N, C-alpha and C. Protein backbone atom coordinates (compact mmCIF):
# COMPACT_ATOMS: atom_id res chain seq x y z
N ALA A 1 -24.44 62.55 -32.95
CA ALA A 1 -23.15 61.18 -32.67
C ALA A 1 -22.01 61.57 -31.66
N ARG A 2 -21.72 61.12 -31.08
CA ARG A 2 -20.67 61.18 -30.22
C ARG A 2 -19.73 60.64 -30.53
N VAL A 3 -18.45 60.77 -30.50
CA VAL A 3 -16.98 60.64 -30.58
C VAL A 3 -16.13 59.99 -29.60
N VAL A 4 -15.35 58.66 -29.51
CA VAL A 4 -14.69 58.52 -27.79
C VAL A 4 -13.40 57.93 -29.22
N ALA A 5 -12.49 58.31 -28.67
CA ALA A 5 -11.05 57.91 -28.52
C ALA A 5 -10.61 56.97 -27.52
N VAL A 6 -10.09 55.88 -28.04
CA VAL A 6 -9.20 54.68 -27.46
C VAL A 6 -7.96 54.99 -27.42
N ASN A 7 -7.56 54.58 -26.71
CA ASN A 7 -5.69 54.63 -26.80
C ASN A 7 -5.68 53.12 -26.46
N VAL A 8 -5.18 52.12 -26.93
CA VAL A 8 -4.95 50.83 -26.68
C VAL A 8 -3.70 50.48 -26.64
N ASP A 9 -3.60 49.38 -25.90
CA ASP A 9 -1.98 49.07 -25.46
C ASP A 9 -0.93 48.77 -26.81
N ALA A 10 -0.05 49.01 -27.28
CA ALA A 10 0.90 48.54 -28.35
C ALA A 10 1.23 47.40 -28.15
N ALA A 11 1.33 46.90 -27.34
CA ALA A 11 1.80 45.14 -26.84
C ALA A 11 0.06 44.66 -27.57
N GLU A 12 -0.79 44.52 -27.46
CA GLU A 12 -1.37 44.26 -28.10
C GLU A 12 -1.83 44.03 -29.61
N SER A 13 -1.45 44.68 -29.93
CA SER A 13 -1.35 44.50 -31.68
C SER A 13 0.43 43.77 -31.80
N GLU A 14 1.08 43.40 -31.36
CA GLU A 14 2.55 42.20 -31.45
C GLU A 14 1.50 41.08 -32.39
N LEU A 15 2.49 40.75 -33.55
CA LEU A 15 1.98 39.92 -34.59
C LEU A 15 3.20 38.59 -34.20
N ALA A 16 3.95 38.95 -33.09
CA ALA A 16 5.12 37.35 -33.34
C ALA A 16 4.43 36.80 -33.23
N ALA A 17 5.04 35.43 -33.18
CA ALA A 17 4.70 33.67 -32.81
C ALA A 17 4.70 33.56 -31.38
N MET A 18 3.65 32.84 -31.02
CA MET A 18 3.32 32.89 -29.29
C MET A 18 3.75 30.98 -29.60
N PRO A 19 4.66 31.10 -28.34
CA PRO A 19 5.24 29.51 -28.26
C PRO A 19 4.10 28.59 -28.04
N PRO A 20 3.70 27.39 -28.13
CA PRO A 20 3.18 26.35 -28.22
C PRO A 20 1.90 26.13 -26.43
N GLY A 21 3.76 26.37 -25.58
CA GLY A 21 3.31 26.01 -24.22
C GLY A 21 2.61 27.12 -23.51
N ASP A 22 2.90 27.97 -24.46
CA ASP A 22 2.23 29.28 -23.64
C ASP A 22 0.75 29.49 -24.35
N LEU A 23 0.32 29.18 -25.92
CA LEU A 23 -1.32 29.19 -25.82
C LEU A 23 -2.02 27.81 -25.37
N VAL A 24 -1.45 26.66 -24.88
CA VAL A 24 -2.16 25.95 -24.32
C VAL A 24 -2.62 26.86 -23.03
N ALA A 25 -1.38 27.21 -22.35
CA ALA A 25 -1.68 27.86 -20.81
C ALA A 25 -3.05 28.92 -20.80
N ALA A 26 -2.94 29.72 -22.46
CA ALA A 26 -4.21 30.48 -22.40
C ALA A 26 -5.39 29.79 -22.19
N ILE A 27 -5.24 28.60 -23.10
CA ILE A 27 -6.82 28.70 -23.83
C ILE A 27 -7.46 27.15 -22.33
N ALA A 28 -6.55 26.76 -21.46
CA ALA A 28 -6.97 25.87 -20.50
C ALA A 28 -7.78 26.86 -19.28
N PRO A 29 -8.42 25.64 -18.93
CA PRO A 29 -10.05 26.29 -17.73
C PRO A 29 -8.18 26.63 -16.51
N ILE A 30 -9.03 27.65 -15.81
CA ILE A 30 -7.92 27.70 -14.68
C ILE A 30 -8.03 26.87 -13.59
N GLY A 31 -6.77 26.24 -13.57
CA GLY A 31 -6.73 25.22 -12.03
C GLY A 31 -6.53 23.46 -13.02
N GLU A 32 -6.48 23.72 -13.87
CA GLU A 32 -5.96 22.31 -14.77
C GLU A 32 -5.11 22.59 -15.08
N GLU A 33 -4.01 21.37 -15.14
CA GLU A 33 -2.62 21.23 -15.17
C GLU A 33 -2.56 20.64 -16.33
N THR A 34 -2.23 20.68 -17.54
CA THR A 34 -1.96 20.16 -18.99
C THR A 34 -0.57 19.50 -19.11
N THR A 35 -0.78 18.52 -19.69
CA THR A 35 0.30 17.80 -20.17
C THR A 35 1.48 18.54 -21.65
N ALA A 36 1.95 17.82 -21.89
CA ALA A 36 2.95 18.09 -22.93
C ALA A 36 2.38 18.01 -24.65
N GLY A 37 1.57 17.45 -24.54
CA GLY A 37 0.70 17.19 -25.52
C GLY A 37 -0.60 18.16 -25.30
N GLY A 38 -0.67 19.17 -24.53
CA GLY A 38 -2.21 19.71 -24.26
C GLY A 38 -3.10 19.05 -23.68
N VAL A 39 -3.12 18.17 -23.64
CA VAL A 39 -4.47 17.26 -22.66
C VAL A 39 -4.44 17.22 -21.54
N ALA A 40 -5.95 17.49 -21.11
CA ALA A 40 -5.92 18.16 -19.76
C ALA A 40 -6.32 17.25 -19.02
N ALA A 41 -5.14 17.34 -17.78
CA ALA A 41 -5.01 16.35 -16.80
C ALA A 41 -6.21 16.03 -15.83
N ALA A 42 -7.48 16.02 -16.40
CA ALA A 42 -8.66 15.61 -15.45
C ALA A 42 -8.64 14.43 -15.57
N GLY A 43 -8.50 13.22 -15.72
CA GLY A 43 -9.21 11.93 -15.62
C GLY A 43 -9.07 11.93 -17.43
N VAL A 44 -9.00 12.41 -18.13
CA VAL A 44 -9.47 12.29 -20.03
C VAL A 44 -7.98 11.65 -20.77
N THR A 45 -7.89 10.54 -21.04
CA THR A 45 -6.52 9.83 -21.66
C THR A 45 -6.86 10.04 -23.05
N GLU A 46 -5.46 10.08 -24.14
CA GLU A 46 -5.48 10.19 -25.41
C GLU A 46 -6.40 9.41 -25.88
N GLU A 47 -6.77 8.50 -25.27
CA GLU A 47 -7.70 7.29 -26.60
C GLU A 47 -9.22 7.70 -26.72
N GLU A 48 -9.28 7.95 -25.41
CA GLU A 48 -10.45 8.23 -25.31
C GLU A 48 -11.39 9.87 -26.49
N LEU A 49 -9.91 10.72 -26.00
CA LEU A 49 -10.35 11.96 -26.97
C LEU A 49 -10.42 11.48 -28.59
N ALA A 50 -9.51 10.52 -28.68
CA ALA A 50 -9.39 9.99 -30.18
C ALA A 50 -10.75 9.24 -30.40
N GLU A 51 -11.42 8.81 -29.33
CA GLU A 51 -12.46 7.74 -29.95
C GLU A 51 -13.92 9.11 -30.17
N ARG A 52 -13.60 10.38 -29.46
CA ARG A 52 -14.42 11.00 -29.57
C ARG A 52 -14.24 12.03 -31.01
N GLN A 53 -13.13 11.69 -31.18
CA GLN A 53 -12.81 12.64 -32.69
C GLN A 53 -13.36 11.90 -33.96
N VAL A 54 -13.60 10.24 -33.20
CA VAL A 54 -13.98 9.62 -34.75
C VAL A 54 -15.23 9.71 -34.85
N VAL A 55 -16.03 9.80 -33.84
CA VAL A 55 -17.67 10.35 -33.55
C VAL A 55 -17.74 11.37 -34.75
N TRP A 56 -17.18 12.38 -34.32
CA TRP A 56 -17.32 13.72 -34.88
C TRP A 56 -16.71 13.55 -36.29
N TRP A 57 -15.44 12.61 -37.10
CA TRP A 57 -15.59 12.49 -38.32
C TRP A 57 -16.74 11.83 -38.90
N TRP A 58 -17.22 10.87 -38.48
CA TRP A 58 -18.72 10.55 -38.86
C TRP A 58 -20.07 11.79 -39.08
N LEU A 59 -19.82 12.54 -38.31
CA LEU A 59 -21.27 13.16 -38.49
C LEU A 59 -21.08 14.39 -38.93
N LEU A 60 -19.43 14.76 -39.29
CA LEU A 60 -19.14 15.58 -40.09
C LEU A 60 -19.13 15.10 -41.79
N LEU A 61 -19.31 13.97 -42.13
CA LEU A 61 -18.91 13.05 -43.29
C LEU A 61 -20.78 12.95 -43.79
N GLY A 62 -21.35 12.49 -42.51
CA GLY A 62 -23.04 12.72 -42.61
C GLY A 62 -23.48 14.25 -42.59
N ALA A 63 -22.80 14.89 -42.69
CA ALA A 63 -23.66 16.09 -42.73
C ALA A 63 -22.88 16.77 -44.24
N LEU A 64 -22.13 16.45 -44.71
CA LEU A 64 -21.61 16.84 -46.00
C LEU A 64 -22.47 15.72 -46.71
N ALA A 65 -22.77 14.63 -46.59
CA ALA A 65 -23.63 14.01 -47.62
C ALA A 65 -24.90 14.24 -48.01
N VAL A 66 -25.36 14.89 -46.33
CA VAL A 66 -27.04 15.55 -47.12
C VAL A 66 -26.68 16.21 -48.01
N LEU A 67 -25.63 17.56 -47.29
CA LEU A 67 -25.49 18.63 -48.56
C LEU A 67 -25.72 18.35 -49.83
N ALA A 68 -24.69 17.27 -50.10
CA ALA A 68 -24.14 16.91 -51.61
C ALA A 68 -26.00 16.30 -52.09
N ALA A 69 -26.91 15.59 -51.08
CA ALA A 69 -28.03 15.54 -52.03
C ALA A 69 -29.00 16.29 -52.04
N GLU A 70 -28.72 17.41 -51.14
CA GLU A 70 -29.68 18.82 -50.80
C GLU A 70 -29.61 19.44 -52.54
N GLN A 71 -27.87 19.37 -52.70
CA GLN A 71 -27.39 20.06 -54.18
C GLN A 71 -28.11 19.61 -55.30
N LEU A 72 -27.77 18.02 -55.48
CA LEU A 72 -28.46 17.39 -56.53
C LEU A 72 -29.49 17.21 -56.69
N LEU A 73 -30.51 17.81 -55.66
CA LEU A 73 -32.27 17.44 -55.61
C LEU A 73 -32.11 19.09 -55.78
N ALA A 74 -32.15 20.23 -55.57
CA ALA A 74 -32.08 20.96 -56.14
C ALA A 74 -32.04 21.28 -57.36
N HIS A 75 -30.36 21.31 -57.81
CA HIS A 75 -30.44 21.29 -58.99
C HIS A 75 -31.66 20.38 -60.23
N ARG A 76 -32.22 19.21 -60.28
CA ARG A 76 -32.89 18.63 -60.70
C ARG A 76 -34.58 19.15 -60.82
N LEU A 77 -34.66 19.81 -59.48
CA LEU A 77 -36.05 20.45 -59.72
C LEU A 77 -36.06 21.77 -60.01
N SER A 78 -34.56 22.28 -60.26
CA SER A 78 -34.27 23.85 -61.11
C SER A 78 -34.84 23.89 -62.50
N ARG A 79 -34.40 22.50 -62.95
CA ARG A 79 -34.31 21.89 -63.97
C ARG A 79 -35.79 21.40 -64.87
N GLY A 80 -36.66 21.09 -63.79
CA GLY A 80 -38.21 20.50 -63.38
C GLY A 80 -38.21 19.29 -64.38
N GLY A 81 -36.96 18.51 -64.17
CA GLY A 81 -36.96 17.06 -64.73
C GLY A 81 -37.12 16.10 -63.82
N ALA A 82 -37.34 16.12 -62.35
CA ALA A 82 -37.59 15.39 -61.86
C ALA A 82 -38.94 15.00 -60.71
N VAL A 83 -39.69 16.07 -60.18
CA VAL A 83 -40.31 16.31 -59.43
C VAL A 83 -41.57 16.86 -60.48
N ARG A 84 -42.63 16.42 -60.63
CA ARG A 84 -43.93 16.47 -61.57
C ARG A 84 -45.12 16.02 -61.08
N SER A 85 -46.11 17.40 -60.79
CA SER A 85 -47.45 17.19 -59.88
C SER A 85 -48.42 16.96 -60.79
């Protein structure tokens, strides 16, 4: 086995809080301007973003319902009470 030593810059381990504006600028695609709320100025309005989020909430609730149904089915089948051939 070969041992390799690496000297990491001490600034990379800084745990100080980052200002929200710097965070938005760091994750925004290069060349896009962002508004104060962090919404990219690429023609997408806040209302359109809210509509997209509503769809994801319904998908999340549906996935949770499927998981709950699977758990109930697994519980019933493990006791041998629901389905018998």
